[in-house]
N, C-alpha and C. Protein backbone atom coordinates (compact mmCIF):
# COMPACT_ATOMS: atom_id res chain seq x y z
N UNK A 1 -0.66 -11.12 15.62
CA UNK A 1 -0.89 -11.02 14.18
C UNK A 1 0.25 -10.04 13.48
N UNK A 2 0.41 -9.02 14.04
CA UNK A 2 1.29 -7.87 13.45
C UNK A 2 2.87 -8.51 13.66
N UNK A 3 3.22 -9.15 14.60
CA UNK A 3 4.46 -9.58 14.77
C UNK A 3 4.73 -10.74 13.65
N UNK A 4 3.88 -11.55 13.38
CA UNK A 4 3.99 -12.66 12.38
C UNK A 4 4.03 -12.10 11.05
N UNK A 5 3.28 -11.01 10.85
CA UNK A 5 3.22 -10.33 9.45
C UNK A 5 4.57 -9.70 9.26
N UNK A 6 5.12 -9.01 10.13
CA UNK A 6 6.24 -8.34 10.10
C UNK A 6 7.51 -9.12 9.83
N UNK A 7 7.25 -10.53 10.03
CA UNK A 7 8.37 -11.42 9.80
C UNK A 7 8.56 -12.03 8.31
N UNK A 8 7.44 -11.65 7.59
CA UNK A 8 7.47 -11.78 6.25
C UNK A 8 8.53 -11.11 5.43
N UNK A 9 9.17 -11.81 4.37
CA UNK A 9 10.21 -11.15 3.50
C UNK A 9 9.62 -9.80 2.85
N UNK A 10 10.76 -8.90 2.75
CA UNK A 10 10.15 -7.58 2.31
C UNK A 10 9.50 -7.75 0.89
N UNK A 11 9.88 -8.52 0.00
CA UNK A 11 9.16 -8.65 -1.18
C UNK A 11 7.78 -9.06 -1.26
N UNK A 12 7.56 -9.84 -0.17
CA UNK A 12 6.00 -10.39 0.12
C UNK A 12 5.38 -9.19 0.63
N UNK A 13 5.85 -8.50 1.60
CA UNK A 13 5.24 -7.35 2.21
C UNK A 13 4.82 -6.32 1.11
N UNK A 14 5.84 -6.14 0.23
CA UNK A 14 5.73 -5.00 -0.75
C UNK A 14 4.59 -5.49 -1.84
N UNK A 15 4.54 -6.66 -2.18
CA UNK A 15 3.48 -7.22 -2.91
C UNK A 15 2.01 -7.16 -2.18
N UNK A 16 2.05 -7.49 -0.99
CA UNK A 16 0.80 -7.43 -0.32
C UNK A 16 0.30 -6.01 -0.28
N UNK A 17 1.05 -5.12 0.12
CA UNK A 17 0.87 -3.63 0.08
C UNK A 17 0.26 -3.22 -1.17
N UNK A 18 0.83 -3.54 -2.38
CA UNK A 18 0.57 -3.17 -3.61
C UNK A 18 -0.73 -3.60 -3.97
N UNK A 19 -1.31 -4.55 -3.44
CA UNK A 19 -2.66 -5.05 -3.71
C UNK A 19 -3.86 -4.29 -3.05
N UNK A 20 -3.42 -3.52 -2.07
CA UNK A 20 -4.50 -2.75 -1.32
C UNK A 20 -4.91 -1.55 -2.21
N UNK A 21 -6.06 -1.56 -2.62
CA UNK A 21 -6.71 -0.40 -3.52
C UNK A 21 -7.08 0.85 -2.88
N UNK A 22 -7.73 0.85 -1.76
CA UNK A 22 -8.40 1.90 -1.12
C UNK A 22 -7.50 2.70 -0.19
N UNK A 23 -7.44 3.94 -0.24
CA UNK A 23 -6.50 4.86 0.45
C UNK A 23 -6.68 4.65 1.96
N UNK A 24 -7.97 4.48 2.36
CA UNK A 24 -8.26 4.44 3.84
C UNK A 24 -7.72 3.11 4.29
N UNK A 25 -7.79 1.97 3.62
CA UNK A 25 -7.30 0.72 3.99
C UNK A 25 -5.81 0.69 4.07
N UNK A 26 -4.97 1.34 2.98
CA UNK A 26 -3.62 1.49 3.08
C UNK A 26 -3.08 2.32 4.27
N UNK A 27 -3.90 3.39 4.75
CA UNK A 27 -3.32 4.21 5.90
C UNK A 27 -3.59 3.31 7.21
N UNK A 28 -4.76 2.71 7.32
CA UNK A 28 -4.95 1.61 8.43
C UNK A 28 -3.90 0.72 8.52
N UNK A 29 -3.57 0.08 7.33
CA UNK A 29 -2.33 -1.08 7.33
C UNK A 29 -1.14 -0.17 7.83
N UNK A 30 -0.79 0.97 7.49
CA UNK A 30 0.31 1.67 7.71
C UNK A 30 0.44 1.92 9.20
N UNK A 31 -0.72 2.02 9.93
CA UNK A 31 -0.68 2.29 11.31
C UNK A 31 -0.41 1.09 12.18
N UNK A 32 -0.31 -0.13 11.61
CA UNK A 32 0.08 -1.20 12.36
C UNK A 32 1.36 -1.15 13.16
N UNK A 33 2.41 -0.67 12.39
CA UNK A 33 3.70 -0.55 12.74
C UNK A 33 4.66 0.54 12.17
N UNK A 34 5.69 0.84 12.81
CA UNK A 34 6.66 1.79 12.07
C UNK A 34 7.20 1.21 10.72
N UNK A 35 7.50 -0.05 10.74
CA UNK A 35 8.25 -0.65 9.75
C UNK A 35 7.13 -0.56 8.47
N UNK A 36 5.94 -0.94 8.81
CA UNK A 36 4.81 -0.72 7.58
C UNK A 36 4.66 0.73 7.14
N UNK A 37 4.59 1.49 8.18
CA UNK A 37 4.56 2.99 7.72
C UNK A 37 5.68 3.42 6.82
N UNK A 38 6.84 2.98 7.18
CA UNK A 38 7.96 3.39 6.46
C UNK A 38 8.03 2.74 4.93
N UNK A 39 7.33 1.67 4.95
CA UNK A 39 7.31 0.91 3.60
C UNK A 39 6.19 1.67 2.77
N UNK A 40 5.10 1.91 3.27
CA UNK A 40 3.71 2.41 2.64
C UNK A 40 3.80 3.97 2.33
N UNK A 41 4.20 4.62 3.24
CA UNK A 41 4.05 6.20 3.20
C UNK A 41 4.94 6.72 1.96
N UNK A 42 6.30 6.18 1.90
CA UNK A 42 6.96 7.03 0.77
C UNK A 42 6.67 6.38 -0.53
N UNK A 43 6.38 5.17 -0.53
CA UNK A 43 6.23 4.41 -1.82
C UNK A 43 4.93 4.10 -2.42
N UNK A 44 3.92 4.14 -1.43
CA UNK A 44 2.63 3.80 -1.97
C UNK A 44 1.56 4.78 -1.80
N UNK A 45 1.56 5.59 -0.85
CA UNK A 45 0.34 6.53 -0.48
C UNK A 45 0.14 7.32 -1.91
N UNK A 46 1.23 8.06 -2.42
CA UNK A 46 1.21 8.96 -3.43
C UNK A 46 0.52 8.42 -4.73
N UNK A 47 0.66 7.06 -4.93
CA UNK A 47 0.30 6.59 -6.21
C UNK A 47 -1.16 6.08 -6.02
N UNK A 48 -1.83 6.19 -4.93
CA UNK A 48 -3.29 5.81 -4.77
C UNK A 48 -4.21 6.82 -5.35
N UNK A 49 -3.71 7.98 -5.65
CA UNK A 49 -4.59 8.99 -6.09
C UNK A 49 -4.77 8.99 -7.71
N UNK A 50 -4.10 8.17 -8.29
CA UNK A 50 -4.15 8.12 -9.78
C UNK A 50 -5.41 7.23 -10.08
N UNK A 51 -6.32 7.67 -10.87
CA UNK A 51 -7.46 6.91 -11.37
C UNK A 51 -7.39 6.88 -12.85
N UNK A 52 -7.95 5.69 -13.37
CA UNK A 52 -7.97 5.50 -14.76
C UNK A 52 -9.55 5.32 -15.27
N UNK A 53 -9.77 6.14 -16.15
CA UNK A 53 -11.09 5.84 -16.76
C UNK A 53 -10.99 5.12 -18.21
N UNK A 54 -11.52 3.93 -18.09
CA UNK A 54 -11.23 3.04 -19.39
C UNK A 54 -11.92 3.67 -20.56
N UNK A 55 -12.93 4.55 -20.40
CA UNK A 55 -13.69 5.16 -21.56
C UNK A 55 -13.07 6.39 -21.99
N UNK A 56 -11.96 6.72 -21.37
CA UNK A 56 -11.46 8.06 -21.62
C UNK A 56 -10.39 7.81 -22.74
N UNK A 57 -10.25 8.33 -23.92
CA UNK A 57 -9.40 8.35 -24.97
C UNK A 57 -8.25 9.31 -25.05
N UNK A 58 -8.32 10.34 -24.23
CA UNK A 58 -7.33 11.37 -24.31
C UNK A 58 -6.41 11.21 -23.04
N UNK A 59 -5.26 11.64 -23.00
CA UNK A 59 -4.51 11.62 -21.78
C UNK A 59 -4.47 12.97 -21.29
């Protein structure tokens, strides 16, 4: 599974990773391979901490 996944084009992997909402799932996905870790850790992990409250009117 991992080897066929890693053969996908970078843009598709990037889109796939961007659809993972939960930090725990993102970390698990990053542990599949070094390539995925290198994609996820610098570019996606830090942005999963941002939460938006639709009822909040102030920034």
